[in-house]
């Protein structure tokens, strides 16, 4: 089995508080963490011109994003929180000066195509780019892990003027669609920037260890400290 070229994940904050880290208070804490975490851990923040949030309709500050989440929530979902993380070994093939723009472009294309494929028009969203050093799963080396966190509302506009609740269900294949769109865009970008040689790093291998962790699980690649 070949290793994924990009890891994507969607989670959500419910509209009602059901314990620590949930509901509006949980979303507020998450947004603050995402906004201020990079002051210590994100090398990009060393640049005084670095903009933490990229605003595509939800806001440039955690307070604005929280307010818009309130206004655009559905009955069950206050906000969706996505992670988009291209494989570090493949990103290492991309010239360093192009990496930030590439991950931001990937994020925009993935968000927009996913919603269009689901029959919505493009929703409001904001995302933040984080840059950290992550130890690979075998512990042999540490590599740069550029990734984005995306915040989207619980509803999305339909063609016309109405809005509808958005639910992402594995049973309906939404996770498969999400990964396929992400992989397609990243593959095309690597073909354009690096050339087809990058595919040699993803030669399929027979999986002799049935208990290996899920290759699409972020924790399997980058264990949380």
Protein backbone atom coordinates (compact mmCIF):
# COMPACT_ATOMS: atom_id res chain seq x y z
CA UNK A 1 0.00 0.00 0.00
CA UNK A 2 1.38 3.42 -0.93
CA UNK A 3 1.49 6.21 1.61
CA UNK A 4 -0.89 9.14 1.22
CA UNK A 5 0.53 12.22 -0.49
CA UNK A 6 -1.63 14.60 1.54
CA UNK A 7 -3.57 14.22 4.79
CA UNK A 8 -6.91 16.00 5.15
CA UNK A 9 -9.28 15.84 8.05
CA UNK A 10 -12.55 17.47 9.03
CA UNK A 11 -13.88 17.93 12.54
CA UNK A 12 -16.51 20.25 13.95
CA UNK A 13 -17.63 22.19 16.96
CA UNK A 14 -21.24 21.51 17.88
CA UNK A 15 -23.70 24.30 18.52
CA UNK A 16 -24.24 23.11 22.11
CA UNK A 17 -21.64 22.68 24.82
CA UNK A 18 -21.31 19.06 25.92
CA UNK A 19 -18.10 19.19 27.88
CA UNK A 20 -14.57 20.55 27.74
CA UNK A 21 -13.55 21.82 24.29
CA UNK A 22 -17.06 21.77 22.84
CA UNK A 23 -19.65 24.37 21.92
CA UNK A 24 -19.00 28.07 21.55
CA UNK A 25 -16.45 28.19 24.34
CA UNK A 26 -14.57 25.31 22.76
CA UNK A 27 -14.51 27.03 19.38
CA UNK A 28 -13.33 30.26 20.97
CA UNK A 29 -10.44 28.45 22.65
CA UNK A 30 -9.50 26.68 19.42
CA UNK A 31 -9.49 29.90 17.42
CA UNK A 32 -7.31 31.66 19.99
CA UNK A 33 -4.90 28.74 20.03
CA UNK A 34 -4.63 28.72 16.23
CA UNK A 35 -4.12 32.48 16.08
CA UNK A 36 -1.47 32.78 18.79
CA UNK A 37 0.27 29.40 18.74
CA UNK A 38 2.59 30.50 15.93
CA UNK A 39 4.15 33.23 18.07
CA UNK A 40 6.43 30.55 19.49
CA UNK A 41 6.26 27.58 17.12
CA UNK A 42 5.74 29.07 13.68
CA UNK A 43 8.85 30.28 11.85
CA UNK A 44 6.63 32.25 9.47
CA UNK A 45 5.65 34.58 12.32
CA UNK A 46 9.24 35.89 12.49
CA UNK A 47 8.26 38.06 9.53
CA UNK A 48 6.42 41.14 10.83
CA UNK A 49 4.37 41.26 7.62
CA UNK A 50 3.03 37.75 8.11
CA UNK A 51 -0.78 37.63 8.17
CA UNK A 52 -2.00 34.91 10.49
CA UNK A 53 -5.53 34.40 9.11
CA UNK A 54 -6.31 34.41 5.41
CA UNK A 55 -9.82 35.84 5.16
CA UNK A 56 -12.23 34.38 2.61
CA UNK A 57 -15.34 35.72 4.27
CA UNK A 58 -15.08 34.60 7.91
CA UNK A 59 -12.68 37.24 9.21
CA UNK A 60 -9.05 38.12 9.97
CA UNK A 61 -9.27 37.76 13.77
CA UNK A 62 -10.60 35.03 16.01
CA UNK A 63 -13.35 37.31 17.34
CA UNK A 64 -14.66 37.98 13.81
CA UNK A 65 -14.51 34.29 12.91
CA UNK A 66 -16.39 33.39 16.10
CA UNK A 67 -19.11 35.97 15.40
CA UNK A 68 -19.55 34.78 11.81
CA UNK A 69 -19.70 31.19 13.05
CA UNK A 70 -22.52 32.24 15.38
CA UNK A 71 -24.38 33.93 12.55
CA UNK A 72 -23.96 31.10 10.02
CA UNK A 73 -24.31 28.03 12.23
CA UNK A 74 -26.68 25.16 11.59
CA UNK A 75 -28.85 23.39 14.13
CA UNK A 76 -26.06 20.98 15.06
CA UNK A 77 -22.80 22.51 13.79
CA UNK A 78 -21.35 25.81 14.96
CA UNK A 79 -18.28 25.54 12.71
CA UNK A 80 -16.25 23.03 10.73
CA UNK A 81 -12.54 22.85 11.44
CA UNK A 82 -10.37 21.27 8.76
CA UNK A 83 -6.69 20.35 8.57
CA UNK A 84 -4.87 20.18 5.23
CA UNK A 85 -1.34 18.79 5.48
CA UNK A 86 0.74 17.86 2.39
CA UNK A 87 3.30 15.11 2.96
CA UNK A 88 6.57 16.65 4.25
CA UNK A 89 8.82 14.44 2.12
CA UNK A 90 7.04 15.60 -1.04
CA UNK A 91 6.94 19.24 0.04
CA UNK A 92 10.72 19.01 0.52
CA UNK A 93 11.00 18.60 -3.27
CA UNK A 94 9.35 22.00 -3.79
CA UNK A 95 11.66 25.05 -3.78
CA UNK A 96 11.41 26.65 -0.34
CA UNK A 97 10.31 30.04 -1.66
CA UNK A 98 7.27 28.41 -3.31
CA UNK A 99 6.03 26.26 -0.43
CA UNK A 100 3.91 28.77 1.46
CA UNK A 101 2.03 29.90 -1.66
CA UNK A 102 1.57 26.29 -2.75
CA UNK A 103 -0.09 25.21 0.51
CA UNK A 104 -2.33 28.29 0.52
CA UNK A 105 -3.35 27.68 -3.11
CA UNK A 106 -4.01 24.02 -2.36
CA UNK A 107 -6.23 24.99 0.56
CA UNK A 108 -8.33 27.33 -1.56
CA UNK A 109 -8.75 24.83 -4.40
CA UNK A 110 -9.64 21.97 -2.03
CA UNK A 111 -12.24 24.00 -0.12
CA UNK A 112 -13.86 25.42 -3.22
CA UNK A 113 -13.95 22.21 -5.28
CA UNK A 114 -15.23 20.14 -2.36
CA UNK A 115 -18.22 22.40 -1.84
CA UNK A 116 -18.94 22.72 -5.55
CA UNK A 117 -18.88 18.92 -5.88
CA UNK A 118 -21.37 18.74 -3.00
CA UNK A 119 -23.79 21.04 -4.86
CA UNK A 120 -23.14 24.19 -2.83
CA UNK A 121 -21.63 27.45 -3.95
CA UNK A 122 -18.33 28.49 -2.38
CA UNK A 123 -18.84 29.26 1.33
CA UNK A 124 -17.24 31.79 3.61
CA UNK A 125 -14.07 30.51 5.28
CA UNK A 126 -10.78 31.57 6.84
CA UNK A 127 -7.58 29.61 7.15
CA UNK A 128 -4.25 29.91 8.90
CA UNK A 129 -0.89 28.51 7.81
CA UNK A 130 1.28 26.83 10.43
CA UNK A 131 4.89 25.76 10.05
CA UNK A 132 6.49 23.32 12.44
CA UNK A 133 9.21 20.71 12.60
CA UNK A 134 7.73 17.22 12.93
CA UNK A 135 9.47 13.92 13.56
CA UNK A 136 8.64 11.29 10.95
CA UNK A 137 6.90 8.12 12.09
CA UNK A 138 10.06 6.00 12.07
CA UNK A 139 11.88 8.60 14.16
CA UNK A 140 14.77 8.77 11.70
CA UNK A 141 14.53 12.46 10.85
CA UNK A 142 12.69 15.69 11.43
CA UNK A 143 11.09 17.52 8.53
CA UNK A 144 9.19 20.73 7.98
CA UNK A 145 5.43 20.24 8.18
CA UNK A 146 3.57 23.10 6.52
CA UNK A 147 -0.19 22.75 7.01
CA UNK A 148 -3.34 24.83 7.20
CA UNK A 149 -6.24 24.95 9.62
CA UNK A 150 -9.50 25.98 7.96
CA UNK A 151 -12.61 27.27 9.71
CA UNK A 152 -15.93 27.09 7.86
CA UNK A 153 -19.51 27.77 8.96
CA UNK A 154 -22.10 25.12 9.73
CA UNK A 155 -24.14 26.17 6.70
CA UNK A 156 -23.22 26.95 3.10
CA UNK A 157 -24.99 28.84 0.30
CA UNK A 158 -26.87 26.96 -2.39
CA UNK A 159 -27.10 28.23 -5.97
CA UNK A 160 -29.51 31.12 -5.54
CA UNK A 161 -30.10 32.75 -2.16
CA UNK A 162 -30.78 29.92 0.30
CA UNK A 163 -28.39 28.32 2.76
CA UNK A 164 -28.35 24.73 3.92
CA UNK A 165 -26.73 22.82 6.77
CA UNK A 166 -23.50 21.03 5.80
CA UNK A 167 -22.78 17.56 7.18
CA UNK A 168 -19.74 15.46 6.34
CA UNK A 169 -20.52 11.77 6.64
CA UNK A 170 -18.17 8.84 5.95
CA UNK A 171 -21.19 6.66 5.22
CA UNK A 172 -22.01 8.89 2.24
CA UNK A 173 -18.46 8.96 0.95
CA UNK A 174 -17.73 12.57 1.84
CA UNK A 175 -14.35 11.70 3.36
CA UNK A 176 -13.36 9.81 0.20
CA UNK A 177 -14.37 12.78 -1.96
CA UNK A 178 -12.37 15.10 0.31
CA UNK A 179 -9.20 13.00 -0.03
CA UNK A 180 -9.62 12.51 -3.77
CA UNK A 181 -9.93 16.25 -4.41
CA UNK A 182 -6.94 17.02 -2.18
CA UNK A 183 -4.77 14.33 -3.76
CA UNK A 184 -5.69 15.40 -7.28
CA UNK A 185 -4.74 19.04 -6.69
CA UNK A 186 -1.48 18.18 -4.92
CA UNK A 187 -0.52 15.66 -7.62
CA UNK A 188 -1.11 18.25 -10.34
CA UNK A 189 0.96 20.82 -8.43
CA UNK A 190 3.85 18.39 -7.96
CA UNK A 191 3.75 17.42 -11.64
CA UNK A 192 3.94 21.10 -12.57
CA UNK A 193 6.63 22.17 -10.09
CA UNK A 194 8.74 19.04 -9.61
CA UNK A 195 7.91 16.81 -12.58
CA UNK A 196 6.81 13.16 -12.56
CA UNK A 197 9.87 11.93 -10.64
CA UNK A 198 8.11 12.66 -7.33
CA UNK A 199 5.95 9.58 -7.91
CA UNK A 200 8.95 7.35 -7.20
CA UNK A 201 8.49 8.21 -3.52
CA UNK A 202 5.03 6.63 -3.62
CA UNK A 203 5.75 3.26 -5.23
CA UNK A 204 3.20 0.82 -3.92
CA UNK A 205 4.48 -1.74 -1.44
CA UNK A 206 2.86 -4.85 0.00
CA UNK A 207 1.73 -4.21 3.57
CA UNK A 208 3.17 -7.08 5.62
CA UNK A 209 2.13 -5.54 8.94
CA UNK A 210 -1.68 -5.68 9.26
CA UNK A 211 -1.60 -3.67 12.47
CA UNK A 212 0.09 -0.61 10.97
CA UNK A 213 -1.62 2.70 11.82
CA UNK A 214 -4.03 4.32 9.39
CA UNK A 215 -1.96 6.14 6.75
CA UNK A 216 -4.54 8.93 6.64
CA UNK A 217 -4.39 9.59 10.38
CA UNK A 218 -2.43 12.73 11.26
CA UNK A 219 -1.28 11.18 14.53
CA UNK A 220 0.22 8.23 12.64
CA UNK A 221 2.52 10.60 10.76
CA UNK A 222 3.17 13.20 13.40
CA UNK A 223 2.57 11.93 16.95
CA UNK A 224 1.24 14.69 19.17
CA UNK A 225 3.57 15.71 21.98
